[in-house]
PDB file of N, CA and C in Angstrom:
ATOM      1  N   MET A   1     111.724  72.846  56.327  1.00  0.00           N
ATOM      2  CA  MET A   1     112.953  72.250  56.787  1.00  0.00           C
ATOM      3  C   MET A   1     113.448  71.282  55.725  1.00  0.00           C
ATOM      4  N   THR A   2     114.736  71.283  55.495  1.00  0.00           N
ATOM      5  CA  THR A   2     115.320  70.408  54.488  1.00  0.00           C
ATOM      6  C   THR A   2     115.474  68.994  55.054  1.00  0.00           C
ATOM      7  N   ILE A   3     115.763  68.064  54.170  1.00  0.00           N
ATOM      8  CA  ILE A   3     115.999  66.684  54.602  1.00  0.00           C
ATOM      9  C   ILE A   3     117.242  66.626  55.480  1.00  0.00           C
ATOM     10  N   TYR A   4     118.254  67.388  55.120  1.00  0.00           N
ATOM     11  CA  TYR A   4     119.481  67.428  55.917  1.00  0.00           C
ATOM     12  C   TYR A   4     119.181  67.942  57.326  1.00  0.00           C
ATOM     13  N   GLY A   5     118.389  68.968  57.432  1.00  0.00           N
ATOM     14  CA  GLY A   5     118.016  69.501  58.743  1.00  0.00           C
ATOM     15  C   GLY A   5     117.226  68.501  59.563  1.00  0.00           C
ATOM     16  N   THR A   6     116.335  67.777  58.904  1.00  0.00           N
ATOM     17  CA  THR A   6     115.557  66.745  59.593  1.00  0.00           C
ATOM     18  C   THR A   6     116.463  65.638  60.110  1.00  0.00           C
ATOM     19  N   LEU A   7     117.444  65.224  59.305  1.00  0.00           N
ATOM     20  CA  LEU A   7     118.373  64.181  59.741  1.00  0.00           C
ATOM     21  C   LEU A   7     119.245  64.643  60.903  1.00  0.00           C
ATOM     22  N   ILE A   8     119.612  65.916  60.913  1.00  0.00           N
ATOM     23  CA  ILE A   8     120.399  66.462  62.029  1.00  0.00           C
ATOM     24  C   ILE A   8     119.581  66.414  63.316  1.00  0.00           C
ATOM     25  N   VAL A   9     118.325  66.829  63.246  1.00  0.00           N
ATOM     26  CA  VAL A   9     117.455  66.794  64.427  1.00  0.00           C
ATOM     27  C   VAL A   9     117.274  65.356  64.896  1.00  0.00           C
ATOM     28  N   LEU A  10     117.068  64.430  63.963  1.00  0.00           N
ATOM     29  CA  LEU A  10     116.918  63.023  64.313  1.00  0.00           C
ATOM     30  C   LEU A  10     118.185  62.480  64.958  1.00  0.00           C
ATOM     31  N   MET A  11     119.341  62.867  64.447  1.00  0.00           N
ATOM     32  CA  MET A  11     120.611  62.404  65.010  1.00  0.00           C
ATOM     33  C   MET A  11     120.762  62.869  66.458  1.00  0.00           C
ATOM     34  N   TYR A  12     120.439  64.131  66.727  1.00  0.00           N
ATOM     35  CA  TYR A  12     120.535  64.632  68.091  1.00  0.00           C
ATOM     36  C   TYR A  12     119.487  64.002  69.004  1.00  0.00           C
ATOM     37  N   ALA A  13     118.324  63.662  68.473  1.00  0.00           N
ATOM     38  CA  ALA A  13     117.284  63.031  69.281  1.00  0.00           C
ATOM     39  C   ALA A  13     117.648  61.590  69.632  1.00  0.00           C
ATOM     40  N   LEU A  14     118.330  60.894  68.737  1.00  0.00           N
ATOM     41  CA  LEU A  14     118.693  59.501  68.971  1.00  0.00           C
ATOM     42  C   LEU A  14     120.010  59.335  69.713  1.00  0.00           C
ATOM     43  N   ALA A  15     120.805  60.383  69.805  1.00  0.00           N
ATOM     44  CA  ALA A  15     122.135  60.278  70.411  1.00  0.00           C
ATOM     45  C   ALA A  15     122.130  59.683  71.818  1.00  0.00           C
ATOM     46  N   PRO A  16     121.221  60.056  72.713  1.00  0.00           N
ATOM     47  CA  PRO A  16     121.256  59.445  74.050  1.00  0.00           C
ATOM     48  C   PRO A  16     120.897  57.953  74.067  1.00  0.00           C
ATOM     49  N   PHE A  17     120.265  57.472  73.008  1.00  0.00           N
ATOM     50  CA  PHE A  17     119.786  56.095  72.990  1.00  0.00           C
ATOM     51  C   PHE A  17     120.617  55.183  72.102  1.00  0.00           C
ATOM     52  N   VAL A  18     121.753  55.643  71.614  1.00  0.00           N
ATOM     53  CA  VAL A  18     122.549  54.844  70.684  1.00  0.00           C
ATOM     54  C   VAL A  18     122.991  53.538  71.325  1.00  0.00           C
ATOM     55  N   TRP A  19     123.424  53.573  72.580  1.00  0.00           N
ATOM     56  CA  TRP A  19     123.890  52.356  73.241  1.00  0.00           C
ATOM     57  C   TRP A  19     122.741  51.365  73.454  1.00  0.00           C
ATOM     58  N   TRP A  20     121.551  51.863  73.772  1.00  0.00           N
ATOM     59  CA  TRP A  20     120.402  50.977  73.915  1.00  0.00           C
ATOM     60  C   TRP A  20     120.033  50.343  72.572  1.00  0.00           C
ATOM     61  N   LEU A  21     120.091  51.152  71.506  1.00  0.00           N
ATOM     62  CA  LEU A  21     119.791  50.631  70.173  1.00  0.00           C
ATOM     63  C   LEU A  21     120.812  49.582  69.748  1.00  0.00           C
ATOM     64  N   MET A  22     122.078  49.843  70.014  1.00  0.00           N
ATOM     65  CA  MET A  22     123.125  48.882  69.667  1.00  0.00           C
ATOM     66  C   MET A  22     122.979  47.594  70.469  1.00  0.00           C
ATOM     67  N   ALA A  23     122.624  47.705  71.751  1.00  0.00           N
ATOM     68  CA  ALA A  23     122.428  46.513  72.572  1.00  0.00           C
ATOM     69  C   ALA A  23     121.238  45.692  72.062  1.00  0.00           C
ATOM     70  N   GLY A  24     120.155  46.360  71.686  1.00  0.00           N
ATOM     71  CA  GLY A  24     118.993  45.653  71.156  1.00  0.00           C
ATOM     72  C   GLY A  24     119.288  44.959  69.838  1.00  0.00           C
ATOM     73  N   ILE A  25     119.987  45.644  68.952  1.00  0.00           N
ATOM     74  CA  ILE A  25     120.342  45.046  67.662  1.00  0.00           C
ATOM     75  C   ILE A  25     121.281  43.863  67.865  1.00  0.00           C
ATOM     76  N   THR A  26     122.243  44.007  68.785  1.00  0.00           N
ATOM     77  CA  THR A  26     123.161  42.910  69.087  1.00  0.00           C
ATOM     78  C   THR A  26     122.402  41.705  69.643  1.00  0.00           C
ATOM     79  N   PHE A  27     121.435  41.968  70.542  1.00  0.00           N
ATOM     80  CA  PHE A  27     120.625  40.882  71.092  1.00  0.00           C
ATOM     81  C   PHE A  27     119.853  40.158  69.992  1.00  0.00           C
ATOM     82  N   LEU A  28     119.203  40.913  69.109  1.00  0.00           N
ATOM     83  CA  LEU A  28     118.426  40.281  68.039  1.00  0.00           C
ATOM     84  C   LEU A  28     119.309  39.476  67.091  1.00  0.00           C
ATOM     85  N   ILE A  29     120.459  40.020  66.733  1.00  0.00           N
ATOM     86  CA  ILE A  29     121.361  39.305  65.830  1.00  0.00           C
ATOM     87  C   ILE A  29     121.889  38.045  66.492  1.00  0.00           C
ATOM     88  N   ALA A  30     122.297  38.142  67.767  1.00  0.00           N
ATOM     89  CA  ALA A  30     122.801  36.966  68.480  1.00  0.00           C
ATOM     90  C   ALA A  30     121.707  35.906  68.621  1.00  0.00           C
ATOM     91  N   LEU A  31     120.498  36.330  68.917  1.00  0.00           N
ATOM     92  CA  LEU A  31     119.381  35.406  69.050  1.00  0.00           C
ATOM     93  C   LEU A  31     119.119  34.667  67.742  1.00  0.00           C
ATOM     94  N   HIS A  32     119.134  35.404  66.646  1.00  0.00           N
ATOM     95  CA  HIS A  32     118.891  34.769  65.346  1.00  0.00           C
ATOM     96  C   HIS A  32     120.039  33.856  64.942  1.00  0.00           C
ATOM     97  N   ILE A  33     121.260  34.222  65.270  1.00  0.00           N
ATOM     98  CA  ILE A  33     122.400  33.352  64.944  1.00  0.00           C
ATOM     99  C   ILE A  33     122.329  32.065  65.748  1.00  0.00           C
ATOM    100  N   ILE A  34     122.059  32.162  67.040  1.00  0.00           N
ATOM    101  CA  ILE A  34     121.952  30.963  67.878  1.00  0.00           C
ATOM    102  C   ILE A  34     120.821  30.071  67.377  1.00  0.00           C
ATOM    103  N   ALA A  35     119.680  30.650  67.075  1.00  0.00           N
ATOM    104  CA  ALA A  35     118.550  29.856  66.581  1.00  0.00           C
ATOM    105  C   ALA A  35     118.867  29.245  65.215  1.00  0.00           C
ATOM    106  N   TYR A  36     119.534  29.997  64.354  1.00  0.00           N
ATOM    107  CA  TYR A  36     119.887  29.482  63.028  1.00  0.00           C
ATOM    108  C   TYR A  36     120.833  28.287  63.142  1.00  0.00           C
ATOM    109  N   LEU A  37     121.794  28.387  64.074  1.00  0.00           N
ATOM    110  CA  LEU A  37     122.741  27.291  64.254  1.00  0.00           C
ATOM    111  C   LEU A  37     122.055  26.036  64.792  1.00  0.00           C
ATOM    112  N   ARG A  38     120.886  26.184  65.390  1.00  0.00           N
ATOM    113  CA  ARG A  38     120.127  25.037  65.900  1.00  0.00           C
ATOM    114  C   ARG A  38     119.022  24.613  64.935  1.00  0.00           C
ATOM    115  N   GLY A  39     119.002  25.171  63.722  1.00  0.00           N
ATOM    116  CA  GLY A  39     118.076  24.716  62.692  1.00  0.00           C
ATOM    117  C   GLY A  39     116.900  25.625  62.415  1.00  0.00           C
ATOM    118  N   TYR A  40     116.857  26.796  63.018  1.00  0.00           N
ATOM    119  CA  TYR A  40     115.731  27.715  62.832  1.00  0.00           C
ATOM    120  C   TYR A  40     115.792  28.374  61.466  1.00  0.00           C
ATOM    121  N   GLN A  41     114.622  28.437  60.813  1.00  0.00           N
ATOM    122  CA  GLN A  41     114.465  29.205  59.585  1.00  0.00           C
ATOM    123  C   GLN A  41     113.174  29.996  59.687  1.00  0.00           C
ATOM    124  N   LEU A  42     113.271  31.294  59.457  1.00  0.00           N
ATOM    125  CA  LEU A  42     112.125  32.180  59.637  1.00  0.00           C
ATOM    126  C   LEU A  42     110.941  31.783  58.768  1.00  0.00           C
ATOM    127  N   THR A  43     111.209  31.354  57.553  1.00  0.00           N
ATOM    128  CA  THR A  43     110.117  31.046  56.626  1.00  0.00           C
ATOM    129  C   THR A  43     109.578  29.632  56.800  1.00  0.00           C
ATOM    130  N   GLN A  44     110.295  28.750  57.477  1.00  0.00           N
ATOM    131  CA  GLN A  44     109.863  27.363  57.609  1.00  0.00           C
ATOM    132  C   GLN A  44     109.162  27.076  58.935  1.00  0.00           C
ATOM    133  N   TYR A  45     109.580  27.732  59.996  1.00  0.00           N
ATOM    134  CA  TYR A  45     109.034  27.465  61.329  1.00  0.00           C
ATOM    135  C   TYR A  45     107.793  28.311  61.556  1.00  0.00           C
ATOM    136  N   ARG A  46     106.721  27.684  62.061  1.00  0.00           N
ATOM    137  CA  ARG A  46     105.472  28.393  62.333  1.00  0.00           C
ATOM    138  C   ARG A  46     105.180  28.325  63.829  1.00  0.00           C
ATOM    139  N   CYS A  47     104.905  29.474  64.410  1.00  0.00           N
ATOM    140  CA  CYS A  47     104.514  29.531  65.810  1.00  0.00           C
ATOM    141  C   CYS A  47     103.470  30.630  65.942  1.00  0.00           C
ATOM    142  N   TYR A  48     102.211  30.232  65.895  1.00  0.00           N
ATOM    143  CA  TYR A  48     101.135  31.212  65.929  1.00  0.00           C
ATOM    144  C   TYR A  48     101.006  31.929  67.272  1.00  0.00           C
ATOM    145  N   PRO A  49     101.307  31.280  68.409  1.00  0.00           N
ATOM    146  CA  PRO A  49     101.276  32.045  69.664  1.00  0.00           C
ATOM    147  C   PRO A  49     102.269  33.208  69.677  1.00  0.00           C
ATOM    148  N   ALA A  50     103.442  33.017  69.080  1.00  0.00           N
ATOM    149  CA  ALA A  50     104.416  34.117  69.006  1.00  0.00           C
ATOM    150  C   ALA A  50     103.867  35.253  68.157  1.00  0.00           C
ATOM    151  N   LEU A  51     103.156  34.925  67.090  1.00  0.00           N
ATOM    152  CA  LEU A  51     102.549  35.937  66.238  1.00  0.00           C
ATOM    153  C   LEU A  51     101.447  36.688  66.976  1.00  0.00           C
ATOM    154  N   VAL A  52     100.628  35.968  67.720  1.00  0.00           N
ATOM    155  CA  VAL A  52      99.530  36.599  68.461  1.00  0.00           C
ATOM    156  C   VAL A  52     100.076  37.485  69.577  1.00  0.00           C
ATOM    157  N   ILE A  53     101.076  36.990  70.307  1.00  0.00           N
ATOM    158  CA  ILE A  53     101.664  37.794  71.385  1.00  0.00           C
ATOM    159  C   ILE A  53     102.328  39.043  70.823  1.00  0.00           C
ATOM    160  N   ALA A  54     103.026  38.911  69.699  1.00  0.00           N
ATOM    161  CA  ALA A  54     103.649  40.077  69.066  1.00  0.00           C
ATOM    162  C   ALA A  54     102.588  41.081  68.616  1.00  0.00           C
ATOM    163  N   ALA A  55     101.469  40.583  68.100  1.00  0.00           N
ATOM    164  CA  ALA A  55     100.385  41.486  67.694  1.00  0.00           C
ATOM    165  C   ALA A  55      99.785  42.201  68.906  1.00  0.00           C
ATOM    166  N   LEU A  56      99.635  41.492  70.021  1.00  0.00           N
ATOM    167  CA  LEU A  56      99.120  42.122  71.236  1.00  0.00           C
ATOM    168  C   LEU A  56     100.091  43.166  71.781  1.00  0.00           C
ATOM    169  N   ILE A  57     101.372  42.880  71.703  1.00  0.00           N
ATOM    170  CA  ILE A  57     102.373  43.866  72.126  1.00  0.00           C
ATOM    171  C   ILE A  57     102.303  45.091  71.220  1.00  0.00           C
ATOM    172  N   GLY A  58     102.155  44.864  69.909  1.00  0.00           N
ATOM    173  CA  GLY A  58     102.028  45.983  68.977  1.00  0.00           C
ATOM    174  C   GLY A  58     100.787  46.814  69.248  1.00  0.00           C
ATOM    175  N   LEU A  59      99.670  46.156  69.524  1.00  0.00           N
ATOM    176  CA  LEU A  59      98.441  46.895  69.836  1.00  0.00           C
ATOM    177  C   LEU A  59      98.531  47.615  71.174  1.00  0.00           C
ATOM    178  N   SER A  60      99.227  47.016  72.138  1.00  0.00           N
ATOM    179  CA  SER A  60      99.367  47.678  73.435  1.00  0.00           C
ATOM    180  C   SER A  60     100.208  48.940  73.334  1.00  0.00           C
ATOM    181  N   SER A  61     101.042  49.015  72.307  1.00  0.00           N
ATOM    182  CA  SER A  61     101.872  50.211  72.145  1.00  0.00           C
ATOM    183  C   SER A  61     101.022  51.441  71.818  1.00  0.00           C
ATOM    184  N   LEU A  62      99.777  51.233  71.409  1.00  0.00           N
ATOM    185  CA  LEU A  62      98.862  52.354  71.216  1.00  0.00           C
ATOM    186  C   LEU A  62      98.685  53.130  72.517  1.00  0.00           C
ATOM    187  N   LEU A  63      98.779  52.431  73.632  1.00  0.00           N
ATOM    188  CA  LEU A  63      98.617  53.074  74.934  1.00  0.00           C
ATOM    189  C   LEU A  63      99.921  53.597  75.514  1.00  0.00           C
ATOM    190  N   TRP A  64     101.021  52.828  75.384  1.00  0.00           N
ATOM    191  CA  TRP A  64     102.239  53.242  76.064  1.00  0.00           C
ATOM    192  C   TRP A  64     103.185  54.095  75.239  1.00  0.00           C
ATOM    193  N   ILE A  65     103.039  54.166  73.935  1.00  0.00           N
ATOM    194  CA  ILE A  65     103.898  55.072  73.154  1.00  0.00           C
ATOM    195  C   ILE A  65     103.579  56.532  73.465  1.00  0.00           C
ATOM    196  N   PRO A  66     102.303  56.945  73.504  1.00  0.00           N
ATOM    197  CA  PRO A  66     102.044  58.335  73.913  1.00  0.00           C
ATOM    198  C   PRO A  66     102.521  58.624  75.342  1.00  0.00           C
ATOM    199  N   TRP A  67     102.366  57.653  76.242  1.00  0.00           N
ATOM    200  CA  TRP A  67     102.843  57.843  77.612  1.00  0.00           C
ATOM    201  C   TRP A  67     104.360  57.997  77.636  1.00  0.00           C
ATOM    202  N   LEU A  68     105.062  57.203  76.830  1.00  0.00           N
ATOM    203  CA  LEU A  68     106.519  57.244  76.781  1.00  0.00           C
ATOM    204  C   LEU A  68     107.026  58.575  76.227  1.00  0.00           C
ATOM    205  N   THR A  69     106.261  59.170  75.332  1.00  0.00           N
ATOM    206  CA  THR A  69     106.652  60.453  74.743  1.00  0.00           C
ATOM    207  C   THR A  69     106.049  61.641  75.475  1.00  0.00           C
ATOM    208  N   HIS A  70     105.485  61.389  76.668  1.00  0.00           N
ATOM    209  CA  HIS A  70     104.868  62.438  77.486  1.00  0.00           C
ATOM    210  C   HIS A  70     103.749  63.147  76.717  1.00  0.00           C
ATOM    211  N   SER A  71     102.907  62.351  76.088  1.00  0.00           N
ATOM    212  CA  SER A  71     101.803  62.869  75.301  1.00  0.00           C
ATOM    213  C   SER A  71     100.513  62.185  75.756  1.00  0.00           C
ATOM    214  N   GLN A  72      99.445  62.412  75.020  1.00  0.00           N
ATOM    215  CA  GLN A  72      98.168  61.765  75.275  1.00  0.00           C
ATOM    216  C   GLN A  72      97.531  61.399  73.950  1.00  0.00           C
ATOM    217  N   LEU A  73      96.646  60.410  73.987  1.00  0.00           N
ATOM    218  CA  LEU A  73      95.940  60.043  72.757  1.00  0.00           C
ATOM    219  C   LEU A  73      95.079  61.184  72.247  1.00  0.00           C
ATOM    220  N   SER A  74      94.610  62.048  73.130  1.00  0.00           N
ATOM    221  CA  SER A  74      93.769  63.168  72.691  1.00  0.00           C
ATOM    222  C   SER A  74      94.573  64.193  71.885  1.00  0.00           C
ATOM    223  N   TYR A  75      95.901  64.177  72.004  1.00  0.00           N
ATOM    224  CA  TYR A  75      96.738  65.103  71.231  1.00  0.00           C
ATOM    225  C   TYR A  75      96.929  64.640  69.787  1.00  0.00           C
ATOM    226  N   ILE A  76      96.575  63.405  69.508  1.00  0.00           N
ATOM    227  CA  ILE A  76      96.748  62.862  68.158  1.00  0.00           C
ATOM    228  C   ILE A  76      95.532  63.260  67.351  1.00  0.00           C
ATOM    229  N   ALA A  77      95.664  64.350  66.617  1.00  0.00           N
ATOM    230  CA  ALA A  77      94.508  64.927  65.949  1.00  0.00           C
ATOM    231  C   ALA A  77      94.610  64.891  64.423  1.00  0.00           C
ATOM    232  N   THR A  78      95.807  64.911  63.883  1.00  0.00           N
ATOM    233  CA  THR A  78      95.943  64.991  62.429  1.00  0.00           C
ATOM    234  C   THR A  78      96.232  63.616  61.844  1.00  0.00           C
ATOM    235  N   VAL A  79      96.099  63.532  60.537  1.00  0.00           N
ATOM    236  CA  VAL A  79      96.377  62.283  59.829  1.00  0.00           C
ATOM    237  C   VAL A  79      97.843  61.902  59.994  1.00  0.00           C
ATOM    238  N   PHE A  80      98.733  62.899  59.940  1.00  0.00           N
ATOM    239  CA  PHE A  80     100.153  62.610  60.090  1.00  0.00           C
ATOM    240  C   PHE A  80     100.452  62.026  61.469  1.00  0.00           C
ATOM    241  N   ASP A  81      99.793  62.509  62.513  1.00  0.00           N
ATOM    242  CA  ASP A  81      99.982  61.968  63.859  1.00  0.00           C
ATOM    243  C   ASP A  81      99.556  60.508  63.927  1.00  0.00           C
ATOM    244  N   TRP A  82      98.419  60.191  63.325  1.00  0.00           N
ATOM    245  CA  TRP A  82      97.944  58.817  63.329  1.00  0.00           C
ATOM    246  C   TRP A  82      98.852  57.912  62.504  1.00  0.00           C
ATOM    247  N   VAL A  83      99.344  58.415  61.385  1.00  0.00           N
ATOM    248  CA  VAL A  83     100.261  57.622  60.561  1.00  0.00           C
ATOM    249  C   VAL A  83     101.551  57.347  61.330  1.00  0.00           C
ATOM    250  N   ALA A  84     102.056  58.337  62.046  1.00  0.00           N
ATOM    251  CA  ALA A  84     103.269  58.149  62.840  1.00  0.00           C
ATOM    252  C   ALA A  84     103.030  57.134  63.957  1.00  0.00           C
ATOM    253  N   LEU A  85     101.896  57.218  64.628  1.00  0.00           N
ATOM    254  CA  LEU A  85     101.592  56.279  65.702  1.00  0.00           C
ATOM    255  C   LEU A  85     101.406  54.861  65.164  1.00  0.00           C
ATOM    256  N   ILE A  86     100.716  54.724  64.056  1.00  0.00           N
ATOM    257  CA  ILE A  86     100.526  53.401  63.460  1.00  0.00           C
ATOM    258  C   ILE A  86     101.859  52.835  62.966  1.00  0.00           C
ATOM    259  N   GLY A  87     102.710  53.693  62.416  1.00  0.00           N
ATOM    260  CA  GLY A  87     104.040  53.246  62.020  1.00  0.00           C
ATOM    261  C   GLY A  87     104.861  52.763  63.205  1.00  0.00           C
ATOM    262  N   ALA A  88     104.764  53.462  64.319  1.00  0.00           N
ATOM    263  CA  ALA A  88     105.461  53.028  65.533  1.00  0.00           C
ATOM    264  C   ALA A  88     104.890  51.707  66.036  1.00  0.00           C
ATOM    265  N   MET A  89     103.568  51.535  65.952  1.00  0.00           N
ATOM    266  CA  MET A  89     102.943  50.282  66.364  1.00  0.00           C
ATOM    267  C   MET A  89     103.412  49.120  65.494  1.00  0.00           C
ATOM    268  N   VAL A  90     103.503  49.339  64.204  1.00  0.00           N
ATOM    269  CA  VAL A  90     103.985  48.291  63.296  1.00  0.00           C
ATOM    270  C   VAL A  90     105.440  47.964  63.610  1.00  0.00           C
ATOM    271  N   GLY A  91     106.242  48.979  63.887  1.00  0.00           N
ATOM    272  CA  GLY A  91     107.637  48.749  64.256  1.00  0.00           C
ATOM    273  C   GLY A  91     107.770  47.937  65.530  1.00  0.00           C
ATOM    274  N   VAL A  92     106.950  48.235  66.527  1.00  0.00           N
ATOM    275  CA  VAL A  92     106.961  47.469  67.780  1.00  0.00           C
ATOM    276  C   VAL A  92     106.540  46.029  67.510  1.00  0.00           C
ATOM    277  N   PHE A  93     105.526  45.833  66.676  1.00  0.00           N
ATOM    278  CA  PHE A  93     105.084  44.478  66.318  1.00  0.00           C
ATOM    279  C   PHE A  93     106.216  43.703  65.649  1.00  0.00           C
ATOM    280  N   VAL A  94     106.888  44.315  64.693  1.00  0.00           N
ATOM    281  CA  VAL A  94     107.964  43.627  63.967  1.00  0.00           C
ATOM    282  C   VAL A  94     109.107  43.269  64.918  1.00  0.00           C
ATOM    283  N   LEU A  95     109.512  44.200  65.770  1.00  0.00           N
ATOM    284  CA  LEU A  95     110.590  43.906  66.716  1.00  0.00           C
ATOM    285  C   LEU A  95     110.189  42.815  67.710  1.00  0.00           C
ATOM    286  N   ALA A  96     108.946  42.851  68.187  1.00  0.00           N
ATOM    287  CA  ALA A  96     108.483  41.804  69.098  1.00  0.00           C
ATOM    288  C   ALA A  96     108.457  40.452  68.392  1.00  0.00           C
ATOM    289  N   PHE A  97     108.011  40.430  67.154  1.00  0.00           N
ATOM    290  CA  PHE A  97     107.973  39.177  66.404  1.00  0.00           C
ATOM    291  C   PHE A  97     109.384  38.654  66.154  1.00  0.00           C
ATOM    292  N   LEU A  98     110.312  39.550  65.800  1.00  0.00           N
ATOM    293  CA  LEU A  98     111.688  39.119  65.546  1.00  0.00           C
ATOM    294  C   LEU A  98     112.373  38.599  66.800  1.00  0.00           C
ATOM    295  N   ALA A  99     111.909  38.997  67.967  1.00  0.00           N
ATOM    296  CA  ALA A  99     112.477  38.473  69.207  1.00  0.00           C
ATOM    297  C   ALA A  99     111.745  37.205  69.662  1.00  0.00           C
ATOM    298  N   LEU A 100     110.413  37.182  69.573  1.00  0.00           N
ATOM    299  CA  LEU A 100     109.643  36.063  70.111  1.00  0.00           C
ATOM    300  C   LEU A 100     109.678  34.815  69.229  1.00  0.00           C
ATOM    301  N   HIS A 101     109.730  34.990  67.936  1.00  0.00           N
ATOM    302  CA  HIS A 101     109.671  33.844  67.030  1.00  0.00           C
ATOM    303  C   HIS A 101     110.880  32.920  67.201  1.00  0.00           C
ATOM    304  N   PRO A 102     112.125  33.422  67.138  1.00  0.00           N
ATOM    305  CA  PRO A 102     113.247  32.502  67.372  1.00  0.00           C
ATOM    306  C   PRO A 102     113.319  32.012  68.830  1.00  0.00           C
ATOM    307  N   LEU A 103     112.870  32.849  69.782  1.00  0.00           N
ATOM    308  CA  LEU A 103     112.840  32.387  71.176  1.00  0.00           C
ATOM    309  C   LEU A 103     111.889  31.211  71.336  1.00  0.00           C
ATOM    310  N   SER A 104     110.741  31.258  70.673  1.00  0.00           N
ATOM    311  CA  SER A 104     109.796  30.147  70.758  1.00  0.00           C
ATOM    312  C   SER A 104     110.381  28.890  70.137  1.00  0.00           C
ATOM    313  N   TYR A 105     111.206  29.051  69.106  1.00  0.00           N
ATOM    314  CA  TYR A 105     111.866  27.893  68.502  1.00  0.00           C
ATOM    315  C   TYR A 105     112.884  27.293  69.462  1.00  0.00           C
ATOM    316  N   LEU A 106     113.608  28.141  70.163  1.00  0.00           N
ATOM    317  CA  LEU A 106     114.648  27.662  71.064  1.00  0.00           C
ATOM    318  C   LEU A 106     114.087  26.984  72.316  1.00  0.00           C
ATOM    319  N   VAL A 107     112.911  27.412  72.783  1.00  0.00           N
ATOM    320  CA  VAL A 107     112.369  26.849  74.014  1.00  0.00           C
ATOM    321  C   VAL A 107     111.282  25.802  73.769  1.00  0.00           C
ATOM    322  N   ARG A 108     110.986  25.494  72.524  1.00  0.00           N
ATOM    323  CA  ARG A 108     109.936  24.529  72.249  1.00  0.00           C
ATOM    324  C   ARG A 108     110.380  23.131  72.672  1.00  0.00           C
ATOM    325  N   GLU A 109     109.403  22.283  72.883  1.00  0.00           N
ATOM    326  CA  GLU A 109     109.709  20.908  73.252  1.00  0.00           C
ATOM    327  C   GLU A 109     110.269  20.170  72.048  1.00  0.00           C
ATOM    328  N   ARG A 110     111.310  19.442  72.296  1.00  0.00           N
ATOM    329  CA  ARG A 110     111.880  18.627  71.212  1.00  0.00           C
ATOM    330  C   ARG A 110     111.291  17.230  71.342  1.00  0.00           C
ATOM    331  N   GLY A 111     110.564  16.827  70.316  1.00  0.00           N
ATOM    332  CA  GLY A 111     109.872  15.550  70.427  1.00  0.00           C
ATOM    333  C   GLY A 111     110.201  14.671  69.356  1.00  0.00           C
TER     334      GLY A 111
END
């Protein structure tokens, strides 16, 4: 299959979820803008609980990503399957971190 063919299949697979993806991206951008306007900087603010919770969410995706795709962990047999699952886990971790880190800044106690 060519790259063009792969992109066509991906486009048709993502088409039903475009509005959900746009809503999620809008939420993340709005969250970061609000936090930035209140003094948040990703590289300066440290919140280890947000990092740990995001890591736990990423690790939990090992269980619910196969369920979400109507699959099972026993079906993951090849290296490519494991790489795809680990890539999805990393993506879930990054998205959880990008949501939890500025949220923790916004709800922290001001002292």
